Protein backbone atom coordinates (compact mmCIF):
# COMPACT_ATOMS: atom_id res chain seq x y z
CA MET A 1 0.00 0.00 0.00
CA LYS A 2 1.00 3.63 -0.29
CA LYS A 3 3.01 4.88 2.72
CA TRP A 4 2.18 8.40 3.76
CA VAL A 5 4.05 11.07 5.65
CA PHE A 6 1.70 12.17 8.40
CA ILE A 7 1.41 15.90 9.09
CA MET A 8 -2.05 16.45 10.53
CA LEU A 9 -2.36 17.26 14.22
CA LEU A 10 -3.48 14.52 16.58
CA VAL A 11 -5.29 17.06 18.74
CA MET A 12 -7.98 17.24 16.05
CA TYR A 13 -9.12 13.79 17.11
CA LEU A 14 -8.19 11.81 20.23
CA PRO A 15 -5.45 12.47 22.75
CA ALA A 16 -2.24 10.52 22.13
CA GLN A 17 -2.57 6.97 23.33
CA VAL A 18 -0.26 6.04 26.17
CA GLY A 19 2.42 3.55 25.07
CA ALA A 20 1.80 3.94 21.33
CA GLU A 21 4.72 4.66 19.04
CA GLU A 22 4.21 8.18 17.70
CA ASN A 23 5.25 7.30 14.14
CA ARG A 24 2.89 4.32 13.86
CA GLU A 25 -0.72 4.80 12.85
CA LEU A 26 -3.63 2.44 12.33
CA ALA A 27 -6.98 3.14 10.68
CA ILE A 28 -9.81 0.71 11.39
CA VAL A 29 -12.59 0.91 8.78
CA ILE A 30 -15.97 -0.70 9.42
CA ASP A 31 -18.13 -1.30 6.34
CA ASP A 32 -21.85 -1.93 5.72
CA PHE A 33 -23.55 0.57 8.02
CA GLY A 34 -26.89 1.98 6.85
CA ASN A 35 -29.28 -0.94 7.17
CA ASP A 36 -29.46 -1.57 10.94
CA MET A 37 -27.02 -4.45 10.61
CA GLY A 38 -25.82 -6.65 13.46
CA GLY A 39 -23.33 -4.99 15.80
CA THR A 40 -24.11 -1.43 14.69
CA GLU A 41 -24.73 0.13 18.09
CA ASP A 42 -21.91 -1.68 19.89
CA MET A 43 -19.46 -0.88 17.10
CA LEU A 44 -20.17 2.84 17.28
CA ARG A 45 -19.48 2.75 21.02
CA LEU A 46 -16.00 1.26 20.76
CA PRO A 47 -13.47 3.47 22.60
CA VAL A 48 -11.49 4.50 19.50
CA THR A 49 -11.99 6.65 16.43
CA LEU A 50 -13.22 4.46 13.59
CA THR A 51 -13.79 5.22 9.94
CA VAL A 52 -17.44 4.28 9.41
CA ALA A 53 -18.43 3.32 5.84
CA ILE A 54 -22.16 3.84 5.31
CA MET A 55 -24.20 2.57 2.37
CA PRO A 56 -26.48 5.18 0.77
CA PHE A 57 -30.26 5.06 0.30
CA LEU A 58 -30.97 2.51 3.04
CA GLU A 59 -33.24 2.50 6.08
CA THR A 60 -30.71 3.81 8.61
CA THR A 61 -28.25 5.59 6.31
CA LYS A 62 -28.82 9.04 7.79
CA LYS A 63 -29.28 7.78 11.36
CA ASP A 64 -26.04 5.81 11.31
CA ALA A 65 -24.15 8.74 9.80
CA GLU A 66 -25.42 11.13 12.46
CA GLU A 67 -24.69 8.63 15.25
CA ALA A 68 -21.19 7.96 13.95
CA HIS A 69 -20.47 11.67 13.71
CA LYS A 70 -21.82 12.22 17.23
CA PHE A 71 -19.46 9.60 18.64
CA GLY A 72 -16.49 11.20 16.89
CA HIS A 73 -16.01 8.68 14.11
CA GLU A 74 -15.14 9.62 10.55
CA VAL A 75 -17.89 8.98 7.98
CA ILE A 76 -17.35 7.80 4.41
CA VAL A 77 -19.70 6.64 1.65
CA HIS A 78 -19.74 2.87 1.11
CA ILE A 79 -20.94 2.85 -2.45
CA PRO A 80 -22.19 -0.46 -3.91
CA MET A 81 -20.37 -1.54 -7.07
CA GLU A 82 -20.68 -4.46 -9.45
CA PRO A 83 -18.73 -7.62 -8.53
CA LEU A 84 -17.38 -10.27 -10.88
CA LYS A 85 -19.62 -12.88 -9.28
CA GLY A 86 -23.09 -12.60 -7.79
CA LYS A 87 -26.34 -10.92 -8.72
CA LYS A 88 -26.67 -7.19 -9.22
CA SER A 89 -29.79 -7.32 -7.06
CA TRP A 90 -27.57 -8.10 -4.06
CA LEU A 91 -25.96 -4.68 -4.28
CA GLY A 92 -28.91 -2.59 -3.15
CA PRO A 93 -30.17 0.77 -4.46
CA GLY A 94 -28.03 3.13 -6.47
CA ALA A 95 -25.39 0.57 -7.40
CA ILE A 96 -22.66 1.41 -9.89
CA THR A 97 -22.56 -1.18 -12.65
CA THR A 98 -20.51 -1.35 -15.82
CA ASP A 99 -23.54 -1.26 -18.14
CA LEU A 100 -24.55 2.25 -17.02
CA SER A 101 -23.96 5.33 -19.15
CA ASP A 102 -21.42 7.95 -18.11
CA ASP A 103 -24.16 10.36 -17.13
CA GLU A 104 -25.99 7.78 -15.03
CA ILE A 105 -22.82 6.77 -13.17
CA GLU A 106 -22.06 10.39 -12.34
CA LYS A 107 -25.65 10.99 -11.24
CA ARG A 108 -25.61 7.95 -8.94
CA VAL A 109 -22.25 8.77 -7.37
CA ILE A 110 -23.22 12.37 -6.61
CA ALA A 111 -26.56 11.21 -5.19
CA ALA A 112 -24.79 8.65 -2.98
CA ILE A 113 -22.43 11.28 -1.60
CA ASP A 114 -25.32 13.64 -0.89
CA ALA A 115 -27.25 10.83 0.85
CA VAL A 116 -24.63 10.26 3.56
CA PRO A 117 -24.31 13.18 6.01
CA HIS A 118 -20.80 14.16 7.15
CA ALA A 119 -19.06 12.01 4.53
CA VAL A 120 -15.46 13.04 3.79
CA GLY A 121 -14.39 9.99 1.79
CA MET A 122 -15.59 6.95 -0.15
CA ASN A 123 -14.89 3.25 -0.52
CA HIS A 124 -16.75 0.51 -2.35
CA HIS A 125 -19.04 -2.35 -1.39
CA MET A 126 -18.04 -5.45 -3.41
CA GLY A 127 -16.91 -3.90 -6.73
CA SER A 128 -14.41 -6.44 -8.07
CA LYS A 129 -15.67 -5.84 -11.62
CA ALA A 130 -16.42 -2.11 -11.49
CA THR A 131 -13.11 -1.11 -9.85
CA ALA A 132 -11.20 -2.81 -12.68
CA ASP A 133 -13.08 -0.73 -15.27
CA GLU A 134 -11.21 2.45 -16.21
CA ARG A 135 -14.25 4.22 -17.69
CA VAL A 136 -16.37 3.63 -14.62
CA MET A 137 -13.74 4.53 -12.04
CA LYS A 138 -12.68 7.69 -13.83
CA ILE A 139 -16.23 9.02 -13.46
CA VAL A 140 -16.42 7.92 -9.82
CA LEU A 141 -13.10 9.53 -8.92
CA GLU A 142 -13.88 12.74 -10.77
CA ALA A 143 -17.08 13.02 -8.70
CA CYS A 144 -15.01 12.51 -5.53
CA ARG A 145 -12.65 15.28 -6.60
CA GLU A 146 -15.59 17.59 -7.30
CA LYS A 147 -17.01 16.91 -3.82
CA GLY A 148 -13.65 17.06 -2.04
CA LEU A 149 -13.63 13.40 -0.95
CA TYR A 150 -10.72 11.00 -0.65
CA TYR A 151 -11.01 7.40 -1.85
CA LEU A 152 -10.13 4.19 -0.05
CA ASP A 153 -9.47 1.29 -2.41
CA SER A 154 -10.88 -1.66 -0.49
CA LYS A 155 -8.82 -3.97 -2.75
CA THR A 156 -11.55 -6.44 -3.66
CA THR A 157 -9.60 -7.21 -6.84
CA GLY A 158 -5.94 -7.32 -7.78
CA LYS A 159 -6.84 -5.59 -11.05
CA SER A 160 -7.99 -2.29 -9.53
CA VAL A 161 -7.38 0.76 -11.72
CA ILE A 162 -7.91 3.15 -8.80
CA PRO A 163 -4.26 3.93 -7.91
CA ASP A 164 -3.24 5.15 -11.36
CA LEU A 165 -6.49 7.02 -11.99
CA ALA A 166 -6.52 8.68 -8.57
CA GLU A 167 -3.01 10.02 -9.13
CA GLU A 168 -3.91 11.19 -12.64
CA ILE A 169 -7.14 12.91 -11.54
CA GLY A 170 -5.74 14.29 -8.29
CA VAL A 171 -7.89 12.46 -5.74
CA PRO A 172 -6.28 11.55 -2.40
CA TYR A 173 -6.46 7.79 -2.00
CA LEU A 174 -5.36 4.97 0.26
CA GLU A 175 -5.40 1.17 0.04
CA ASN A 176 -6.77 -1.45 2.39
CA GLU A 177 -4.36 -4.23 3.29
CA LEU A 178 -6.34 -6.58 5.54
CA PHE A 179 -9.90 -7.83 6.00
CA PHE A 180 -10.61 -9.02 9.53
CA ASP A 181 -13.72 -10.96 8.64
CA ASP A 182 -13.47 -12.48 5.18
CA VAL A 183 -14.43 -15.68 7.03
CA TYR A 184 -17.20 -15.35 9.64
CA THR A 185 -15.68 -17.23 12.57
CA ILE A 186 -14.19 -15.90 15.78
CA GLN A 187 -11.13 -18.08 15.22
CA HIS A 188 -10.42 -16.64 11.77
CA MET A 189 -11.15 -13.06 12.79
CA SER A 190 -8.89 -13.38 15.83
CA LYS A 191 -6.14 -14.80 13.62
CA LYS A 192 -6.38 -11.84 11.25
CA ALA A 193 -6.47 -9.42 14.20
CA GLN A 194 -3.28 -11.01 15.52
CA GLU A 195 -1.66 -10.68 12.08
CA LEU A 196 -2.41 -6.97 12.23
CA ALA A 197 -0.93 -6.72 15.73
CA VAL A 198 2.33 -8.15 14.39
CA LYS A 199 2.32 -5.75 11.43
CA LEU A 200 2.02 -2.80 13.81
CA LYS A 201 5.50 -3.47 15.16
CA ASP A 202 7.04 -1.97 12.04
CA ASP A 203 7.23 1.76 11.36
CA GLN A 204 4.51 1.90 8.73
CA ALA A 205 0.89 2.98 8.64
CA HIS A 206 -1.72 0.26 8.37
CA ILE A 207 -5.37 0.05 7.28
CA ALA A 208 -7.76 -2.81 8.08
CA ILE A 209 -11.43 -3.37 7.29
CA GLY A 210 -14.17 -5.16 9.24
CA HIS A 211 -17.95 -5.19 8.93
CA VAL A 212 -21.21 -4.93 10.76
CA GLY A 213 -23.77 -7.50 9.68
CA ILE A 214 -23.87 -11.30 9.90
CA ALA A 215 -20.71 -11.43 12.01
CA GLY A 216 -20.98 -7.91 13.40
CA GLU A 217 -21.19 -8.93 17.06
CA LYS A 218 -18.19 -11.23 16.61
CA MET A 219 -16.28 -8.38 15.02
CA VAL A 220 -17.06 -6.15 17.99
CA ALA A 221 -15.84 -8.84 20.39
CA VAL A 222 -12.58 -9.30 18.51
CA LEU A 223 -11.93 -5.55 18.38
CA ASN A 224 -12.68 -5.19 22.08
CA GLU A 225 -9.99 -7.79 22.74
CA PHE A 226 -7.38 -6.38 20.38
CA ILE A 227 -7.84 -2.60 20.64
CA PRO A 228 -5.78 -2.39 23.87
CA LYS A 229 -2.97 -4.28 22.10
CA TYR A 230 -3.19 -2.00 19.07
CA LYS A 231 -3.04 1.09 21.28
CA ASN A 232 0.26 -0.14 22.72
CA GLU A 233 1.79 -0.23 19.25
CA ALA A 234 0.14 2.60 17.31
CA VAL A 235 -2.18 5.58 17.40
CA ILE A 236 -5.62 4.66 16.04
CA VAL A 237 -6.70 7.40 13.64
CA PRO A 238 -9.36 8.16 11.02
CA LEU A 239 -8.32 7.61 7.43
CA SER A 240 -8.12 11.31 6.62
CA GLN A 241 -5.24 11.69 9.07
CA MET A 242 -3.17 9.42 6.85
CA ILE A 243 -3.38 11.83 3.91
CA PRO A 244 -0.89 14.71 3.96
CA GLY A 245 -2.64 18.05 4.09
CA PHE A 246 -6.11 16.66 3.52
CA GLU A 247 -8.71 19.25 4.48
CA MET A 248 -12.08 17.82 5.48
CA ILE A 249 -15.13 19.68 4.19
CA ASP A 250 -18.36 18.63 5.86
CA GLU A 251 -21.04 19.95 3.50
CA SER A 252 -23.79 18.63 5.77
CA MET A 253 -22.89 21.13 8.49
CA PRO A 254 -24.64 24.52 8.51
């Protein structure tokens, strides 16, 4: 993943964590908010600053965004995108698919951003096909630039065109490197959480993604166990703090 030089002030978020190495940072991203999924309330009450990825146009989209913002978490848009496998109907409303026209993709992306209060960034839900499509992602990233959002490449495919396009278009971007819960068992999630704990002993920044939903309560339990360990090795920060000079613009505020 890209390694960033960190220049934003920690006082904008949480106080420095006792025992953490000052030059080590960790961003924990939690996907799939917006539909009252399992673990939602407990996840938002974890004692760290999370990056909360909220799907647009769903039953609790606005509620979850407001709650996340109230608890001091960073909000991003979790926009549904076409996968290589599976039915398009699984994606939910407003999905970005490769058969859409340029105008329709732009319209849907802008609408998704506007649907999620306090959003300062974006990542994708599924998207292994769409994020490998240069035409589609150019439109998505241009909309992010227009709205002042950064982009997190969730890395659901090894063929993502996001890095090159983001640099070309001028959109701040980062890359996920670990999914906690690609298998829905406590044993697997704990193993991945331990892998991350080992990674934190180097002098790099790290990004990891978990989810609310089917295994949401398990994910909360694993994070409750490992957050104290992570705090001993790194400062847990929102994604935007990993982008040099990134200025957050919250268009939902008066």
